[in-house]
């Protein structure tokens, strides 16, 4: 009887990226060695990888580990802060708005990773129903506001009416202008409600080149393809239109009581770290660490009025704002 033959797996090609190479090797091993144990397949992959790719894997793992460790002390502080909110019956609303593919969802996951799931909610509202279209725009968001001691994080907020909706034609020009005129009055009313509600408005800003790179990754990654939406597919083409709406947003809705914070998010790790600092600096709470550096990085976090000045300067120099 002839010995059982198996298809030989070719060595890893040098020109591909490390992640793509590993994915292909695992796929090939699954096709040719279905009865092979998982650990044996891992050993086989290691044998086929070049020294360079092994070094890249180690370097990447170390960087990810260091990033994760750097966040953990601040994630522990968020737990302390949340306990303070519960004890004092305070509420917190955090708005995560900004460009598509700017890292809002990943930052929300980092912020809430170790929090008590009973004490926070992430709200990502879809398209309004026909009935909701006939109601006050803010109503469906207000219905999801926090209870005493709770934090609600909006993955895109009522400010869709100031950015996505007018650019994409999802609202009328009259609705857009009326929203800009009234929104800060609404916000001030629930902030001043016995001083119990804390509102943090975050705008995540990514460069056009980095956004294009992230879109390309979404297109080619089956685990990320669901993220591509109708708006995403047009975001690059409509870049200047979204930029103009951002400028008007800051002109009309950045106030001393309800300020915007711009988070530069090309570097996802730094964006997450600085977002945690912003949240922690919004509340005075017992047990705050005396050894951590809570000072914001001025290259990552920019107050809304300063960002507006930058945009107006760019507009004067280049004809259009760039950010």
C-alpha atoms as a PDB file:
ATOM      1  CA  UNK A   1       0.000   0.000   0.000  1.00  0.00           C
ATOM      2  CA  UNK A   2       1.405   3.378  -0.963  1.00  0.00           C
ATOM      3  CA  UNK A   3       2.188   5.871   1.767  1.00  0.00           C
ATOM      4  CA  UNK A   4      -0.265   8.710   2.250  1.00  0.00           C
ATOM      5  CA  UNK A   5       0.935  11.826   0.416  1.00  0.00           C
ATOM      6  CA  UNK A   6       0.252  15.405   1.454  1.00  0.00           C
ATOM      7  CA  UNK A   7       0.447  18.559  -0.574  1.00  0.00           C
ATOM      8  CA  UNK A   8       3.611  20.519   0.169  1.00  0.00           C
ATOM      9  CA  UNK A   9       3.034  24.025   1.529  1.00  0.00           C
ATOM     10  CA  UNK A  10       5.249  26.582  -0.222  1.00  0.00           C
ATOM     11  CA  UNK A  11       7.398  28.882   1.925  1.00  0.00           C
ATOM     12  CA  UNK A  12       6.048  32.317   2.763  1.00  0.00           C
ATOM     13  CA  UNK A  13       6.581  34.912   0.006  1.00  0.00           C
ATOM     14  CA  UNK A  14       8.665  37.857   1.231  1.00  0.00           C
ATOM     15  CA  UNK A  15       6.760  40.607  -0.558  1.00  0.00           C
ATOM     16  CA  UNK A  16       3.489  40.227   1.395  1.00  0.00           C
ATOM     17  CA  UNK A  17       2.721  41.725   4.792  1.00  0.00           C
ATOM     18  CA  UNK A  18       3.169  39.483   7.834  1.00  0.00           C
ATOM     19  CA  UNK A  19      -0.545  39.282   8.690  1.00  0.00           C
ATOM     20  CA  UNK A  20      -1.490  38.386   5.100  1.00  0.00           C
ATOM     21  CA  UNK A  21       1.209  35.708   4.990  1.00  0.00           C
ATOM     22  CA  UNK A  22       0.097  34.067   8.238  1.00  0.00           C
ATOM     23  CA  UNK A  23      -3.532  34.122   7.105  1.00  0.00           C
ATOM     24  CA  UNK A  24      -2.616  32.421   3.815  1.00  0.00           C
ATOM     25  CA  UNK A  25      -0.414  29.790   5.503  1.00  0.00           C
ATOM     26  CA  UNK A  26      -3.169  28.873   7.963  1.00  0.00           C
ATOM     27  CA  UNK A  27      -5.654  28.652   5.080  1.00  0.00           C
ATOM     28  CA  UNK A  28      -3.311  26.374   3.107  1.00  0.00           C
ATOM     29  CA  UNK A  29      -2.690  24.155   6.131  1.00  0.00           C
ATOM     30  CA  UNK A  30      -6.422  23.875   6.794  1.00  0.00           C
ATOM     31  CA  UNK A  31      -6.975  22.770   3.196  1.00  0.00           C
ATOM     32  CA  UNK A  32      -4.173  20.201   3.106  1.00  0.00           C
ATOM     33  CA  UNK A  33      -4.024  18.966   6.711  1.00  0.00           C
ATOM     34  CA  UNK A  34      -7.558  18.975   8.043  1.00  0.00           C
ATOM     35  CA  UNK A  35      -6.832  16.153  10.488  1.00  0.00           C
ATOM     36  CA  UNK A  36      -3.784  17.910  11.933  1.00  0.00           C
ATOM     37  CA  UNK A  37      -4.026  19.194  15.515  1.00  0.00           C
ATOM     38  CA  UNK A  38      -4.206  22.929  16.059  1.00  0.00           C
ATOM     39  CA  UNK A  39      -0.869  23.085  17.898  1.00  0.00           C
ATOM     40  CA  UNK A  40       0.829  21.189  15.076  1.00  0.00           C
ATOM     41  CA  UNK A  41      -0.491  23.704  12.572  1.00  0.00           C
ATOM     42  CA  UNK A  42       0.895  26.566  14.658  1.00  0.00           C
ATOM     43  CA  UNK A  43       4.310  24.919  14.760  1.00  0.00           C
ATOM     44  CA  UNK A  44       4.161  24.382  11.000  1.00  0.00           C
ATOM     45  CA  UNK A  45       3.349  28.060  10.431  1.00  0.00           C
ATOM     46  CA  UNK A  46       6.338  29.074  12.555  1.00  0.00           C
ATOM     47  CA  UNK A  47       8.585  26.765  10.531  1.00  0.00           C
ATOM     48  CA  UNK A  48       7.454  28.331   7.256  1.00  0.00           C
ATOM     49  CA  UNK A  49       7.739  31.957   8.361  1.00  0.00           C
ATOM     50  CA  UNK A  50      10.972  33.784   7.668  1.00  0.00           C
ATOM     51  CA  UNK A  51      13.117  35.285  10.430  1.00  0.00           C
ATOM     52  CA  UNK A  52      12.025  38.770   9.358  1.00  0.00           C
ATOM     53  CA  UNK A  53       8.349  37.943   9.703  1.00  0.00           C
ATOM     54  CA  UNK A  54       8.898  36.338  13.116  1.00  0.00           C
ATOM     55  CA  UNK A  55      10.670  39.498  14.264  1.00  0.00           C
ATOM     56  CA  UNK A  56       7.765  41.614  12.989  1.00  0.00           C
ATOM     57  CA  UNK A  57       5.297  39.477  14.935  1.00  0.00           C
ATOM     58  CA  UNK A  58       7.296  39.851  18.155  1.00  0.00           C
ATOM     59  CA  UNK A  59       7.666  43.605  17.648  1.00  0.00           C
ATOM     60  CA  UNK A  60       3.946  44.011  16.923  1.00  0.00           C
ATOM     61  CA  UNK A  61       2.966  41.909  19.957  1.00  0.00           C
ATOM     62  CA  UNK A  62       5.251  43.961  22.219  1.00  0.00           C
ATOM     63  CA  UNK A  63       3.851  47.257  20.912  1.00  0.00           C
ATOM     64  CA  UNK A  64       0.263  46.077  21.412  1.00  0.00           C
ATOM     65  CA  UNK A  65       1.128  44.874  24.924  1.00  0.00           C
ATOM     66  CA  UNK A  66       2.769  48.204  25.821  1.00  0.00           C
ATOM     67  CA  UNK A  67      -0.206  50.156  24.454  1.00  0.00           C
ATOM     68  CA  UNK A  68      -2.607  48.007  26.457  1.00  0.00           C
ATOM     69  CA  UNK A  69      -0.569  48.422  29.649  1.00  0.00           C
ATOM     70  CA  UNK A  70      -0.405  52.193  29.192  1.00  0.00           C
ATOM     71  CA  UNK A  71      -4.213  52.387  29.045  1.00  0.00           C
ATOM     72  CA  UNK A  72      -4.914  50.192  32.079  1.00  0.00           C
ATOM     73  CA  UNK A  73      -4.160  52.756  34.837  1.00  0.00           C
ATOM     74  CA  UNK A  74      -6.540  55.216  33.157  1.00  0.00           C
ATOM     75  CA  UNK A  75      -9.178  52.496  32.709  1.00  0.00           C
ATOM     76  CA  UNK A  76      -8.871  51.877  36.465  1.00  0.00           C
ATOM     77  CA  UNK A  77      -9.425  55.602  37.058  1.00  0.00           C
ATOM     78  CA  UNK A  78     -12.578  55.454  34.922  1.00  0.00           C
ATOM     79  CA  UNK A  79     -13.937  52.817  37.308  1.00  0.00           C
ATOM     80  CA  UNK A  80     -13.269  55.156  40.276  1.00  0.00           C
ATOM     81  CA  UNK A  81     -14.924  58.020  38.439  1.00  0.00           C
ATOM     82  CA  UNK A  82     -17.953  55.875  37.632  1.00  0.00           C
ATOM     83  CA  UNK A  83     -18.274  54.875  41.300  1.00  0.00           C
ATOM     84  CA  UNK A  84     -18.274  58.584  42.201  1.00  0.00           C
ATOM     85  CA  UNK A  85     -21.092  59.251  39.714  1.00  0.00           C
ATOM     86  CA  UNK A  86     -23.151  56.406  41.218  1.00  0.00           C
ATOM     87  CA  UNK A  87     -22.623  57.613  44.791  1.00  0.00           C
ATOM     88  CA  UNK A  88     -23.639  61.160  43.935  1.00  0.00           C
ATOM     89  CA  UNK A  89     -26.491  60.372  41.554  1.00  0.00           C
ATOM     90  CA  UNK A  90     -24.795  62.172  38.675  1.00  0.00           C
ATOM     91  CA  UNK A  91     -25.247  61.382  34.992  1.00  0.00           C
ATOM     92  CA  UNK A  92     -22.750  61.534  32.142  1.00  0.00           C
ATOM     93  CA  UNK A  93     -23.369  61.823  28.400  1.00  0.00           C
ATOM     94  CA  UNK A  94     -20.422  61.437  26.023  1.00  0.00           C
ATOM     95  CA  UNK A  95     -20.862  62.203  22.331  1.00  0.00           C
ATOM     96  CA  UNK A  96     -18.564  60.460  19.861  1.00  0.00           C
ATOM     97  CA  UNK A  97     -18.935  62.292  16.571  1.00  0.00           C
ATOM     98  CA  UNK A  98     -16.633  63.021  13.646  1.00  0.00           C
ATOM     99  CA  UNK A  99     -15.383  61.599  10.385  1.00  0.00           C
ATOM    100  CA  UNK A 100     -16.185  58.090   9.202  1.00  0.00           C
ATOM    101  CA  UNK A 101     -13.451  55.570  10.110  1.00  0.00           C
ATOM    102  CA  UNK A 102     -12.006  57.966  12.678  1.00  0.00           C
ATOM    103  CA  UNK A 103     -11.847  55.383  15.478  1.00  0.00           C
ATOM    104  CA  UNK A 104     -14.967  56.265  17.462  1.00  0.00           C
ATOM    105  CA  UNK A 105     -16.109  52.675  18.002  1.00  0.00           C
ATOM    106  CA  UNK A 106     -12.678  51.390  19.047  1.00  0.00           C
ATOM    107  CA  UNK A 107     -12.293  54.258  21.506  1.00  0.00           C
ATOM    108  CA  UNK A 108     -15.703  53.522  23.037  1.00  0.00           C
ATOM    109  CA  UNK A 109     -14.682  49.873  23.514  1.00  0.00           C
ATOM    110  CA  UNK A 110     -11.423  50.938  25.182  1.00  0.00           C
ATOM    111  CA  UNK A 111     -13.214  53.381  27.504  1.00  0.00           C
ATOM    112  CA  UNK A 112     -15.843  50.862  28.632  1.00  0.00           C
ATOM    113  CA  UNK A 113     -13.703  47.715  28.621  1.00  0.00           C
ATOM    114  CA  UNK A 114     -13.453  47.288  32.409  1.00  0.00           C
ATOM    115  CA  UNK A 115     -16.531  49.232  33.491  1.00  0.00           C
ATOM    116  CA  UNK A 116     -19.478  47.561  35.176  1.00  0.00           C
ATOM    117  CA  UNK A 117     -21.797  46.794  32.264  1.00  0.00           C
ATOM    118  CA  UNK A 118     -24.809  47.642  34.435  1.00  0.00           C
ATOM    119  CA  UNK A 119     -23.628  51.216  34.802  1.00  0.00           C
ATOM    120  CA  UNK A 120     -23.192  52.327  31.209  1.00  0.00           C
ATOM    121  CA  UNK A 121     -24.877  52.073  27.826  1.00  0.00           C
ATOM    122  CA  UNK A 122     -23.587  52.538  24.297  1.00  0.00           C
ATOM    123  CA  UNK A 123     -26.219  54.001  21.994  1.00  0.00           C
ATOM    124  CA  UNK A 124     -25.771  53.838  18.215  1.00  0.00           C
ATOM    125  CA  UNK A 125     -29.106  54.877  16.751  1.00  0.00           C
ATOM    126  CA  UNK A 126     -30.013  53.833  13.231  1.00  0.00           C
ATOM    127  CA  UNK A 127     -32.192  55.654  10.744  1.00  0.00           C
ATOM    128  CA  UNK A 128     -35.309  57.215  12.295  1.00  0.00           C
ATOM    129  CA  UNK A 129     -38.631  55.509  11.672  1.00  0.00           C
ATOM    130  CA  UNK A 130     -41.374  57.243   9.710  1.00  0.00           C
ATOM    131  CA  UNK A 131     -43.057  58.135  12.998  1.00  0.00           C
ATOM    132  CA  UNK A 132     -39.821  59.537  14.465  1.00  0.00           C
ATOM    133  CA  UNK A 133     -39.358  61.704  11.375  1.00  0.00           C
ATOM    134  CA  UNK A 134     -42.516  63.582  12.369  1.00  0.00           C
ATOM    135  CA  UNK A 135     -41.245  64.234  15.921  1.00  0.00           C
ATOM    136  CA  UNK A 136     -38.670  66.575  17.444  1.00  0.00           C
ATOM    137  CA  UNK A 137     -35.217  65.532  16.206  1.00  0.00           C
ATOM    138  CA  UNK A 138     -33.803  65.408  19.758  1.00  0.00           C
ATOM    139  CA  UNK A 139     -36.655  63.288  21.131  1.00  0.00           C
ATOM    140  CA  UNK A 140     -35.299  59.830  20.260  1.00  0.00           C
ATOM    141  CA  UNK A 141     -31.935  60.747  21.794  1.00  0.00           C
ATOM    142  CA  UNK A 142     -33.460  62.230  24.955  1.00  0.00           C
ATOM    143  CA  UNK A 143     -35.378  58.965  25.431  1.00  0.00           C
ATOM    144  CA  UNK A 144     -31.991  57.239  25.804  1.00  0.00           C
ATOM    145  CA  UNK A 145     -30.458  59.679  28.270  1.00  0.00           C
ATOM    146  CA  UNK A 146     -28.818  58.228  31.401  1.00  0.00           C
ATOM    147  CA  UNK A 147     -30.419  57.552  34.739  1.00  0.00           C
ATOM    148  CA  UNK A 148     -28.755  58.688  37.971  1.00  0.00           C
ATOM    149  CA  UNK A 149     -25.305  57.123  38.265  1.00  0.00           C
ATOM    150  CA  UNK A 150     -25.238  56.022  34.627  1.00  0.00           C
ATOM    151  CA  UNK A 151     -22.981  56.865  31.682  1.00  0.00           C
ATOM    152  CA  UNK A 152     -24.352  56.882  28.136  1.00  0.00           C
ATOM    153  CA  UNK A 153     -21.944  56.952  25.210  1.00  0.00           C
ATOM    154  CA  UNK A 154     -23.489  57.964  21.883  1.00  0.00           C
ATOM    155  CA  UNK A 155     -21.717  56.452  18.862  1.00  0.00           C
ATOM    156  CA  UNK A 156     -22.828  59.364  16.679  1.00  0.00           C
ATOM    157  CA  UNK A 157     -25.315  61.676  18.289  1.00  0.00           C
ATOM    158  CA  UNK A 158     -27.985  64.268  17.560  1.00  0.00           C
ATOM    159  CA  UNK A 159     -25.213  66.123  15.710  1.00  0.00           C
ATOM    160  CA  UNK A 160     -25.876  63.889  12.704  1.00  0.00           C
ATOM    161  CA  UNK A 161     -28.343  66.675  11.885  1.00  0.00           C
ATOM    162  CA  UNK A 162     -25.390  69.093  11.627  1.00  0.00           C
ATOM    163  CA  UNK A 163     -23.034  66.875   9.604  1.00  0.00           C
ATOM    164  CA  UNK A 164     -24.136  63.696   7.827  1.00  0.00           C
ATOM    165  CA  UNK A 165     -27.783  64.599   7.208  1.00  0.00           C
ATOM    166  CA  UNK A 166     -27.282  67.925   5.383  1.00  0.00           C
ATOM    167  CA  UNK A 167     -24.372  66.614   3.303  1.00  0.00           C
ATOM    168  CA  UNK A 168     -26.242  63.484   2.250  1.00  0.00           C
ATOM    169  CA  UNK A 169     -29.592  65.231   1.751  1.00  0.00           C
ATOM    170  CA  UNK A 170     -31.288  63.429   4.655  1.00  0.00           C
ATOM    171  CA  UNK A 171     -32.751  66.671   6.038  1.00  0.00           C
ATOM    172  CA  UNK A 172     -33.942  69.963   4.610  1.00  0.00           C
ATOM    173  CA  UNK A 173     -31.914  73.160   4.773  1.00  0.00           C
ATOM    174  CA  UNK A 174     -34.557  74.619   7.086  1.00  0.00           C
ATOM    175  CA  UNK A 175     -34.258  71.650   9.485  1.00  0.00           C
ATOM    176  CA  UNK A 176     -30.467  71.990   9.468  1.00  0.00           C
ATOM    177  CA  UNK A 177     -30.531  75.714  10.289  1.00  0.00           C
ATOM    178  CA  UNK A 178     -33.214  75.293  12.966  1.00  0.00           C
ATOM    179  CA  UNK A 179     -31.152  72.579  14.642  1.00  0.00           C
ATOM    180  CA  UNK A 180     -28.009  74.744  14.754  1.00  0.00           C
ATOM    181  CA  UNK A 181     -30.022  77.605  16.202  1.00  0.00           C
ATOM    182  CA  UNK A 182     -31.607  75.589  19.029  1.00  0.00           C
ATOM    183  CA  UNK A 183     -29.262  72.718  19.934  1.00  0.00           C
ATOM    184  CA  UNK A 184     -27.071  74.472  22.512  1.00  0.00           C
ATOM    185  CA  UNK A 185     -30.181  75.747  24.306  1.00  0.00           C
ATOM    186  CA  UNK A 186     -31.386  72.144  24.656  1.00  0.00           C
ATOM    187  CA  UNK A 187     -27.976  71.052  25.925  1.00  0.00           C
ATOM    188  CA  UNK A 188     -27.723  73.837  28.491  1.00  0.00           C
ATOM    189  CA  UNK A 189     -31.201  72.997  29.803  1.00  0.00           C
ATOM    190  CA  UNK A 190     -30.377  69.407  30.711  1.00  0.00           C
ATOM    191  CA  UNK A 191     -26.861  70.257  31.947  1.00  0.00           C
ATOM    192  CA  UNK A 192     -28.304  72.819  34.349  1.00  0.00           C
ATOM    193  CA  UNK A 193     -30.912  70.361  35.645  1.00  0.00           C
ATOM    194  CA  UNK A 194     -29.761  70.484  39.306  1.00  0.00           C
ATOM    195  CA  UNK A 195     -26.170  70.180  38.109  1.00  0.00           C
ATOM    196  CA  UNK A 196     -26.514  66.441  37.756  1.00  0.00           C
ATOM    197  CA  UNK A 197     -25.653  65.910  34.068  1.00  0.00           C
ATOM    198  CA  UNK A 198     -22.150  66.103  32.611  1.00  0.00           C
ATOM    199  CA  UNK A 199     -21.947  66.483  28.815  1.00  0.00           C
ATOM    200  CA  UNK A 200     -18.738  65.790  26.891  1.00  0.00           C
ATOM    201  CA  UNK A 201     -18.703  66.482  23.137  1.00  0.00           C
ATOM    202  CA  UNK A 202     -15.918  64.773  21.186  1.00  0.00           C
ATOM    203  CA  UNK A 203     -15.197  65.187  17.468  1.00  0.00           C
ATOM    204  CA  UNK A 204     -12.789  62.584  16.066  1.00  0.00           C
ATOM    205  CA  UNK A 205     -10.697  63.997  13.249  1.00  0.00           C
ATOM    206  CA  UNK A 206      -8.784  61.759  10.835  1.00  0.00           C
ATOM    207  CA  UNK A 207      -6.757  62.835   7.795  1.00  0.00           C
ATOM    208  CA  UNK A 208      -8.082  62.125   4.325  1.00  0.00           C
ATOM    209  CA  UNK A 209      -5.175  59.781   3.573  1.00  0.00           C
ATOM    210  CA  UNK A 210      -5.645  57.765   6.766  1.00  0.00           C
ATOM    211  CA  UNK A 211      -9.391  57.548   6.195  1.00  0.00           C
ATOM    212  CA  UNK A 212      -8.769  56.156   2.690  1.00  0.00           C
ATOM    213  CA  UNK A 213      -6.372  53.554   4.111  1.00  0.00           C
ATOM    214  CA  UNK A 214      -8.933  52.431   6.708  1.00  0.00           C
ATOM    215  CA  UNK A 215     -11.690  52.216   4.100  1.00  0.00           C
ATOM    216  CA  UNK A 216      -9.463  50.035   1.939  1.00  0.00           C
ATOM    217  CA  UNK A 217      -8.855  47.729   4.869  1.00  0.00           C
ATOM    218  CA  UNK A 218     -12.597  47.459   5.484  1.00  0.00           C
ATOM    219  CA  UNK A 219     -13.217  46.524   1.858  1.00  0.00           C
ATOM    220  CA  UNK A 220     -10.673  43.706   1.968  1.00  0.00           C
ATOM    221  CA  UNK A 221     -11.326  42.340   5.458  1.00  0.00           C
ATOM    222  CA  UNK A 222     -14.436  40.138   5.793  1.00  0.00           C
ATOM    223  CA  UNK A 223     -14.537  40.894   9.525  1.00  0.00           C
ATOM    224  CA  UNK A 224     -14.758  44.641   8.852  1.00  0.00           C
ATOM    225  CA  UNK A 225     -16.854  44.806   5.682  1.00  0.00           C
ATOM    226  CA  UNK A 226     -20.043  45.313   7.703  1.00  0.00           C
ATOM    227  CA  UNK A 227     -18.661  48.712   8.760  1.00  0.00           C
ATOM    228  CA  UNK A 228     -18.867  50.083   5.224  1.00  0.00           C
ATOM    229  CA  UNK A 229     -22.033  52.125   4.830  1.00  0.00           C
ATOM    230  CA  UNK A 230     -23.621  54.279   2.163  1.00  0.00           C
ATOM    231  CA  UNK A 231     -22.054  57.335   3.791  1.00  0.00           C
ATOM    232  CA  UNK A 232     -18.613  55.690   4.033  1.00  0.00           C
ATOM    233  CA  UNK A 233     -18.561  54.959   0.327  1.00  0.00           C
ATOM    234  CA  UNK A 234     -18.986  58.684  -0.436  1.00  0.00           C
ATOM    235  CA  UNK A 235     -16.932  60.161   2.422  1.00  0.00           C
ATOM    236  CA  UNK A 236     -13.764  60.670   0.378  1.00  0.00           C
ATOM    237  CA  UNK A 237     -15.614  62.188  -2.553  1.00  0.00           C
ATOM    238  CA  UNK A 238     -17.519  64.537  -0.232  1.00  0.00           C
ATOM    239  CA  UNK A 239     -14.519  65.366   1.969  1.00  0.00           C
ATOM    240  CA  UNK A 240     -14.725  69.144   1.444  1.00  0.00           C
ATOM    241  CA  UNK A 241     -18.479  69.203   2.077  1.00  0.00           C
ATOM    242  CA  UNK A 242     -18.023  67.414   5.421  1.00  0.00           C
ATOM    243  CA  UNK A 243     -15.165  69.790   6.275  1.00  0.00           C
ATOM    244  CA  UNK A 244     -17.383  72.817   5.645  1.00  0.00           C
ATOM    245  CA  UNK A 245     -20.075  71.360   7.928  1.00  0.00           C
ATOM    246  CA  UNK A 246     -17.449  70.783  10.614  1.00  0.00           C
ATOM    247  CA  UNK A 247     -16.463  74.456  10.415  1.00  0.00           C
ATOM    248  CA  UNK A 248     -20.073  75.622  10.780  1.00  0.00           C
ATOM    249  CA  UNK A 249     -20.594  73.111  13.599  1.00  0.00           C
ATOM    250  CA  UNK A 250     -17.778  74.695  15.612  1.00  0.00           C
ATOM    251  CA  UNK A 251     -18.912  78.226  14.794  1.00  0.00           C
ATOM    252  CA  UNK A 252     -22.491  77.612  15.937  1.00  0.00           C
ATOM    253  CA  UNK A 253     -22.321  74.954  18.677  1.00  0.00           C
ATOM    254  CA  UNK A 254     -19.013  75.371  20.535  1.00  0.00           C
ATOM    255  CA  UNK A 255     -19.805  77.348  23.695  1.00  0.00           C
ATOM    256  CA  UNK A 256     -18.192  77.776  27.114  1.00  0.00           C
ATOM    257  CA  UNK A 257     -20.958  75.677  28.648  1.00  0.00           C
ATOM    258  CA  UNK A 258     -21.040  73.000  25.929  1.00  0.00           C
ATOM    259  CA  UNK A 259     -17.584  72.970  24.316  1.00  0.00           C
ATOM    260  CA  UNK A 260     -16.306  70.657  21.603  1.00  0.00           C
ATOM    261  CA  UNK A 261     -13.039  68.766  21.920  1.00  0.00           C
ATOM    262  CA  UNK A 262     -11.317  67.697  18.722  1.00  0.00           C
ATOM    263  CA  UNK A 263      -9.400  64.405  18.955  1.00  0.00           C
ATOM    264  CA  UNK A 264      -6.757  63.802  16.291  1.00  0.00           C
ATOM    265  CA  UNK A 265      -7.162  60.083  15.678  1.00  0.00           C
ATOM    266  CA  UNK A 266      -4.687  58.975  13.005  1.00  0.00           C
ATOM    267  CA  UNK A 267      -2.884  57.279  15.894  1.00  0.00           C
ATOM    268  CA  UNK A 268      -5.634  55.155  17.439  1.00  0.00           C
ATOM    269  CA  UNK A 269      -3.780  54.424  20.674  1.00  0.00           C
ATOM    270  CA  UNK A 270      -3.070  58.070  21.439  1.00  0.00           C
ATOM    271  CA  UNK A 271      -6.646  59.009  20.569  1.00  0.00           C
ATOM    272  CA  UNK A 272      -7.937  56.443  23.083  1.00  0.00           C
ATOM    273  CA  UNK A 273      -5.513  57.521  25.793  1.00  0.00           C
ATOM    274  CA  UNK A 274      -6.295  61.215  25.398  1.00  0.00           C
ATOM    275  CA  UNK A 275     -10.045  60.563  25.298  1.00  0.00           C
ATOM    276  CA  UNK A 276      -9.784  58.833  28.670  1.00  0.00           C
ATOM    277  CA  UNK A 277      -7.919  61.844  30.072  1.00  0.00           C
ATOM    278  CA  UNK A 278     -10.614  64.195  28.759  1.00  0.00           C
ATOM    279  CA  UNK A 279     -13.356  62.171  30.439  1.00  0.00           C
ATOM    280  CA  UNK A 280     -11.459  61.898  33.722  1.00  0.00           C
ATOM    281  CA  UNK A 281     -10.683  65.636  33.763  1.00  0.00           C
ATOM    282  CA  UNK A 282     -14.384  66.463  33.481  1.00  0.00           C
ATOM    283  CA  UNK A 283     -15.148  65.240  37.008  1.00  0.00           C
ATOM    284  CA  UNK A 284     -13.581  65.698  40.432  1.00  0.00           C
ATOM    285  CA  UNK A 285     -13.701  62.343  42.196  1.00  0.00           C
ATOM    286  CA  UNK A 286     -12.248  60.771  45.332  1.00  0.00           C
ATOM    287  CA  UNK A 287      -9.208  58.519  45.082  1.00  0.00           C
ATOM    288  CA  UNK A 288      -7.779  60.138  41.968  1.00  0.00           C
ATOM    289  CA  UNK A 289      -4.246  58.917  41.302  1.00  0.00           C
ATOM    290  CA  UNK A 290      -1.491  61.367  42.208  1.00  0.00           C
ATOM    291  CA  UNK A 291       1.119  59.659  40.066  1.00  0.00           C
ATOM    292  CA  UNK A 292      -0.637  59.512  36.680  1.00  0.00           C
ATOM    293  CA  UNK A 293      -0.212  62.328  34.174  1.00  0.00           C
ATOM    294  CA  UNK A 294      -3.688  63.613  33.330  1.00  0.00           C
ATOM    295  CA  UNK A 295      -2.428  66.557  31.287  1.00  0.00           C
ATOM    296  CA  UNK A 296      -3.813  66.415  27.728  1.00  0.00           C
ATOM    297  CA  UNK A 297      -1.487  66.097  24.755  1.00  0.00           C
ATOM    298  CA  UNK A 298      -1.983  69.383  22.887  1.00  0.00           C
ATOM    299  CA  UNK A 299      -1.069  67.725  19.581  1.00  0.00           C
ATOM    300  CA  UNK A 300      -3.912  65.194  19.949  1.00  0.00           C
ATOM    301  CA  UNK A 301      -6.594  67.126  21.847  1.00  0.00           C
ATOM    302  CA  UNK A 302      -7.607  70.558  20.554  1.00  0.00           C
ATOM    303  CA  UNK A 303     -10.360  72.778  22.012  1.00  0.00           C
ATOM    304  CA  UNK A 304     -13.104  73.515  19.500  1.00  0.00           C
ATOM    305  CA  UNK A 305     -12.423  77.261  19.330  1.00  0.00           C
ATOM    306  CA  UNK A 306      -8.726  76.672  18.607  1.00  0.00           C
ATOM    307  CA  UNK A 307      -9.589  74.138  15.891  1.00  0.00           C
ATOM    308  CA  UNK A 308     -11.907  76.694  14.318  1.00  0.00           C
ATOM    309  CA  UNK A 309      -9.110  79.256  14.207  1.00  0.00           C
ATOM    310  CA  UNK A 310      -6.866  76.684  12.528  1.00  0.00           C
ATOM    311  CA  UNK A 311      -9.549  75.933   9.938  1.00  0.00           C
ATOM    312  CA  UNK A 312     -10.187  79.612   9.183  1.00  0.00           C
ATOM    313  CA  UNK A 313      -6.462  80.195   8.739  1.00  0.00           C
ATOM    314  CA  UNK A 314      -6.262  77.233   6.328  1.00  0.00           C
ATOM    315  CA  UNK A 315      -9.261  78.554   4.434  1.00  0.00           C
ATOM    316  CA  UNK A 316      -7.620  81.951   4.040  1.00  0.00           C
ATOM    317  CA  UNK A 317      -4.325  80.408   2.904  1.00  0.00           C
ATOM    318  CA  UNK A 318      -5.533  77.524   0.713  1.00  0.00           C
ATOM    319  CA  UNK A 319      -9.111  78.460  -0.179  1.00  0.00           C
ATOM    320  CA  UNK A 320     -10.616  75.591   1.857  1.00  0.00           C
ATOM    321  CA  UNK A 321     -10.023  74.191   5.368  1.00  0.00           C
ATOM    322  CA  UNK A 322      -7.890  71.036   5.268  1.00  0.00           C
ATOM    323  CA  UNK A 323      -8.910  69.256   8.473  1.00  0.00           C
END
